[in-house]
Amino acid sequence: MVQAEHAVESAAGAAKGGFNPGERIIEHLANKLGIRPGQTTSDGRFTLSTVECVASCGSAPVVLINDTYHERVSPEQLDALLETLA
């Protein structure tokens, strides 16, 4: 997989009890960036990846952008974060 300028990751594994708020975030990211997990945007700016666990279930949903944790992130907050990187 080609690594873009900005690595965007979210947990795909289910948290305790089978609940996974990261699924909604992953879908939002895929729609926003126009790519699926494992792909890189055509401009080379973003690579979207899923990981099984980010060891932060208590503050889910969590997105890692360039190895920085963004906890309890909403789709709106995520959009603002991505705008600062575009």
N, C-alpha and C. Protein backbone atom coordinates (compact mmCIF):
# COMPACT_ATOMS: atom_id res chain seq x y z
N MET A 1 0.85 -1.20 0.00
CA MET A 1 0.00 0.00 0.00
C MET A 1 0.89 1.24 0.00
N VAL A 2 0.57 2.18 -0.86
CA VAL A 2 1.28 3.45 -0.91
C VAL A 2 0.92 4.26 0.32
N GLN A 3 1.93 4.82 0.97
CA GLN A 3 1.67 5.65 2.15
C GLN A 3 1.63 7.11 1.72
N ALA A 4 0.56 7.79 2.04
CA ALA A 4 0.37 9.19 1.68
C ALA A 4 1.05 10.10 2.69
N GLU A 5 0.91 11.37 2.47
CA GLU A 5 1.45 12.37 3.37
C GLU A 5 0.84 12.25 4.76
N HIS A 6 -0.45 11.93 4.82
CA HIS A 6 -1.15 11.83 6.11
C HIS A 6 -1.78 10.45 6.25
N ALA A 7 -1.41 9.75 7.30
CA ALA A 7 -1.98 8.44 7.60
C ALA A 7 -3.17 8.63 8.53
N VAL A 8 -4.31 8.11 8.13
CA VAL A 8 -5.54 8.21 8.91
C VAL A 8 -5.98 6.80 9.24
N GLU A 9 -6.07 6.48 10.55
CA GLU A 9 -6.42 5.14 10.99
C GLU A 9 -7.55 5.18 12.01
N SER A 10 -8.37 4.15 12.00
CA SER A 10 -9.42 4.00 13.00
C SER A 10 -9.59 2.52 13.29
N ALA A 11 -10.06 2.22 14.50
CA ALA A 11 -10.24 0.84 14.91
C ALA A 11 -11.44 0.21 14.23
N ALA A 12 -11.22 -0.99 13.69
CA ALA A 12 -12.29 -1.72 13.02
C ALA A 12 -12.82 -2.85 13.88
N GLY A 13 -12.08 -3.24 14.91
CA GLY A 13 -12.51 -4.33 15.79
C GLY A 13 -13.63 -3.89 16.70
N ALA A 14 -14.46 -4.83 17.09
CA ALA A 14 -15.58 -4.53 17.99
C ALA A 14 -15.08 -4.39 19.42
N ALA A 15 -15.58 -3.40 20.11
CA ALA A 15 -15.26 -3.22 21.52
C ALA A 15 -16.02 -4.25 22.34
N LYS A 16 -15.76 -4.25 23.63
CA LYS A 16 -16.45 -5.17 24.52
C LYS A 16 -17.95 -5.04 24.33
N GLY A 17 -18.62 -6.14 24.22
CA GLY A 17 -20.06 -6.14 24.03
C GLY A 17 -20.46 -6.03 22.57
N GLY A 18 -19.49 -6.01 21.66
CA GLY A 18 -19.79 -5.99 20.24
C GLY A 18 -20.07 -4.62 19.66
N PHE A 19 -20.03 -3.57 20.46
CA PHE A 19 -20.31 -2.22 19.98
C PHE A 19 -19.04 -1.62 19.38
N ASN A 20 -19.13 -1.03 18.21
CA ASN A 20 -17.97 -0.42 17.58
C ASN A 20 -18.34 0.92 16.97
N PRO A 21 -18.15 2.02 17.73
CA PRO A 21 -18.43 3.34 17.17
C PRO A 21 -17.48 3.72 16.05
N GLY A 22 -16.34 3.02 15.95
CA GLY A 22 -15.38 3.31 14.89
C GLY A 22 -15.90 2.99 13.50
N GLU A 23 -16.84 2.06 13.40
CA GLU A 23 -17.41 1.71 12.09
C GLU A 23 -18.05 2.92 11.43
N ARG A 24 -18.76 3.70 12.21
CA ARG A 24 -19.40 4.91 11.69
C ARG A 24 -18.36 5.92 11.23
N ILE A 25 -17.27 6.03 11.99
CA ILE A 25 -16.20 6.95 11.66
C ILE A 25 -15.48 6.50 10.39
N ILE A 26 -15.20 5.21 10.28
CA ILE A 26 -14.54 4.68 9.09
C ILE A 26 -15.39 4.95 7.84
N GLU A 27 -16.68 4.72 7.95
CA GLU A 27 -17.58 4.98 6.82
C GLU A 27 -17.59 6.46 6.46
N HIS A 28 -17.60 7.32 7.48
CA HIS A 28 -17.57 8.76 7.24
C HIS A 28 -16.27 9.16 6.52
N LEU A 29 -15.14 8.64 7.02
CA LEU A 29 -13.86 8.94 6.40
C LEU A 29 -13.82 8.48 4.95
N ALA A 30 -14.31 7.28 4.70
CA ALA A 30 -14.32 6.73 3.33
C ALA A 30 -15.12 7.63 2.40
N ASN A 31 -16.28 8.08 2.86
CA ASN A 31 -17.12 8.96 2.04
C ASN A 31 -16.47 10.33 1.85
N LYS A 32 -15.92 10.87 2.91
CA LYS A 32 -15.31 12.20 2.86
C LYS A 32 -14.09 12.23 1.94
N LEU A 33 -13.24 11.19 2.04
CA LEU A 33 -12.02 11.15 1.26
C LEU A 33 -12.20 10.52 -0.12
N GLY A 34 -13.32 9.84 -0.32
CA GLY A 34 -13.58 9.20 -1.60
C GLY A 34 -12.74 7.95 -1.84
N ILE A 35 -12.33 7.31 -0.77
CA ILE A 35 -11.54 6.09 -0.85
C ILE A 35 -12.04 5.08 0.18
N ARG A 36 -11.63 3.85 0.03
CA ARG A 36 -11.96 2.79 0.97
C ARG A 36 -10.73 2.51 1.83
N PRO A 37 -10.89 1.86 2.98
CA PRO A 37 -9.72 1.48 3.77
C PRO A 37 -8.73 0.68 2.92
N GLY A 38 -7.45 1.03 3.09
CA GLY A 38 -6.39 0.40 2.31
C GLY A 38 -6.03 1.17 1.06
N GLN A 39 -6.72 2.28 0.81
CA GLN A 39 -6.46 3.08 -0.39
C GLN A 39 -5.88 4.44 -0.02
N THR A 40 -5.29 5.08 -1.02
CA THR A 40 -4.72 6.41 -0.90
C THR A 40 -5.45 7.33 -1.86
N THR A 41 -5.70 8.57 -1.43
CA THR A 41 -6.35 9.54 -2.32
C THR A 41 -5.48 9.78 -3.54
N SER A 42 -6.11 10.14 -4.65
CA SER A 42 -5.39 10.32 -5.91
C SER A 42 -4.34 11.43 -5.84
N ASP A 43 -4.52 12.39 -4.93
CA ASP A 43 -3.54 13.47 -4.79
C ASP A 43 -2.39 13.09 -3.84
N GLY A 44 -2.46 11.88 -3.27
CA GLY A 44 -1.40 11.41 -2.39
C GLY A 44 -1.39 12.03 -1.01
N ARG A 45 -2.47 12.69 -0.64
CA ARG A 45 -2.52 13.39 0.66
C ARG A 45 -2.90 12.46 1.81
N PHE A 46 -3.84 11.53 1.59
CA PHE A 46 -4.36 10.71 2.68
C PHE A 46 -4.37 9.23 2.32
N THR A 47 -3.98 8.41 3.29
CA THR A 47 -4.15 6.97 3.21
C THR A 47 -5.08 6.60 4.36
N LEU A 48 -6.14 5.87 4.06
CA LEU A 48 -7.10 5.43 5.07
C LEU A 48 -6.83 3.97 5.42
N SER A 49 -6.68 3.71 6.70
CA SER A 49 -6.41 2.34 7.17
C SER A 49 -7.29 2.03 8.37
N THR A 50 -7.56 0.76 8.53
CA THR A 50 -8.22 0.30 9.74
C THR A 50 -7.23 -0.57 10.50
N VAL A 51 -7.35 -0.55 11.79
CA VAL A 51 -6.56 -1.39 12.67
C VAL A 51 -7.52 -2.11 13.59
N GLU A 52 -7.10 -3.24 14.11
CA GLU A 52 -7.98 -4.02 14.99
C GLU A 52 -8.25 -3.30 16.30
N CYS A 53 -7.21 -2.66 16.85
CA CYS A 53 -7.35 -2.04 18.18
C CYS A 53 -6.37 -0.89 18.30
N VAL A 54 -6.82 0.20 18.91
CA VAL A 54 -5.94 1.32 19.22
C VAL A 54 -5.77 1.48 20.73
N ALA A 55 -6.27 0.50 21.49
CA ALA A 55 -6.13 0.47 22.95
C ALA A 55 -6.70 1.72 23.61
N SER A 56 -7.87 2.13 23.15
CA SER A 56 -8.48 3.33 23.69
C SER A 56 -10.00 3.24 23.67
N CYS A 57 -10.53 2.06 24.02
CA CYS A 57 -11.99 1.85 23.97
C CYS A 57 -12.76 2.83 24.84
N GLY A 58 -12.16 3.25 25.93
CA GLY A 58 -12.85 4.16 26.85
C GLY A 58 -13.07 5.55 26.28
N SER A 59 -12.37 5.87 25.21
CA SER A 59 -12.52 7.20 24.62
C SER A 59 -12.92 7.10 23.14
N ALA A 60 -13.58 6.02 22.79
CA ALA A 60 -14.02 5.79 21.40
C ALA A 60 -15.13 6.77 21.03
N PRO A 61 -15.25 7.09 19.75
CA PRO A 61 -14.40 6.64 18.66
C PRO A 61 -13.08 7.41 18.63
N VAL A 62 -12.04 6.70 18.23
CA VAL A 62 -10.69 7.25 18.17
C VAL A 62 -10.17 7.15 16.74
N VAL A 63 -9.54 8.21 16.31
CA VAL A 63 -8.89 8.24 15.01
C VAL A 63 -7.44 8.66 15.24
N LEU A 64 -6.53 7.95 14.61
CA LEU A 64 -5.13 8.33 14.64
C LEU A 64 -4.81 9.01 13.32
N ILE A 65 -4.28 10.20 13.41
CA ILE A 65 -3.84 10.92 12.22
C ILE A 65 -2.37 11.22 12.43
N ASN A 66 -1.55 10.61 11.58
CA ASN A 66 -0.09 10.74 11.71
C ASN A 66 0.37 10.38 13.11
N ASP A 67 -0.16 9.29 13.65
CA ASP A 67 0.18 8.75 14.97
C ASP A 67 -0.25 9.61 16.15
N THR A 68 -1.10 10.59 15.92
CA THR A 68 -1.66 11.40 17.00
C THR A 68 -3.09 10.96 17.26
N TYR A 69 -3.41 10.63 18.52
CA TYR A 69 -4.76 10.20 18.89
C TYR A 69 -5.72 11.38 18.93
N HIS A 70 -6.88 11.18 18.34
CA HIS A 70 -7.98 12.13 18.43
C HIS A 70 -9.14 11.32 18.99
N GLU A 71 -9.47 11.59 20.26
CA GLU A 71 -10.44 10.76 20.99
C GLU A 71 -11.82 11.41 21.04
N ARG A 72 -12.83 10.52 21.15
CA ARG A 72 -14.24 10.95 21.20
C ARG A 72 -14.56 11.90 20.05
N VAL A 73 -14.05 11.54 18.89
CA VAL A 73 -14.19 12.42 17.73
C VAL A 73 -15.53 12.20 17.04
N SER A 74 -16.15 13.29 16.68
CA SER A 74 -17.41 13.25 15.93
C SER A 74 -17.08 13.43 14.45
N PRO A 75 -18.00 13.09 13.58
CA PRO A 75 -17.77 13.34 12.15
C PRO A 75 -17.45 14.81 11.86
N GLU A 76 -18.11 15.71 12.55
CA GLU A 76 -17.89 17.14 12.33
C GLU A 76 -16.48 17.55 12.77
N GLN A 77 -16.04 17.03 13.92
CA GLN A 77 -14.69 17.32 14.39
C GLN A 77 -13.65 16.74 13.43
N LEU A 78 -13.94 15.57 12.92
CA LEU A 78 -13.05 14.92 11.98
C LEU A 78 -12.92 15.73 10.69
N ASP A 79 -14.02 16.26 10.20
CA ASP A 79 -13.98 17.10 9.01
C ASP A 79 -13.08 18.31 9.25
N ALA A 80 -13.19 18.93 10.43
CA ALA A 80 -12.36 20.09 10.75
C ALA A 80 -10.89 19.70 10.81
N LEU A 81 -10.58 18.57 11.40
CA LEU A 81 -9.20 18.07 11.45
C LEU A 81 -8.64 17.87 10.05
N LEU A 82 -9.42 17.22 9.19
CA LEU A 82 -8.96 16.97 7.82
C LEU A 82 -8.73 18.26 7.06
N GLU A 83 -9.55 19.26 7.30
CA GLU A 83 -9.40 20.56 6.63
C GLU A 83 -8.07 21.21 6.99
N THR A 84 -7.62 21.03 8.23
CA THR A 84 -6.34 21.64 8.63
C THR A 84 -5.16 20.97 7.92
N LEU A 85 -5.36 19.76 7.41
CA LEU A 85 -4.29 19.02 6.75
C LEU A 85 -4.33 19.12 5.23
N ALA A 86 -5.44 19.60 4.71
CA ALA A 86 -5.62 19.64 3.23
C ALA A 86 -4.85 20.76 2.60
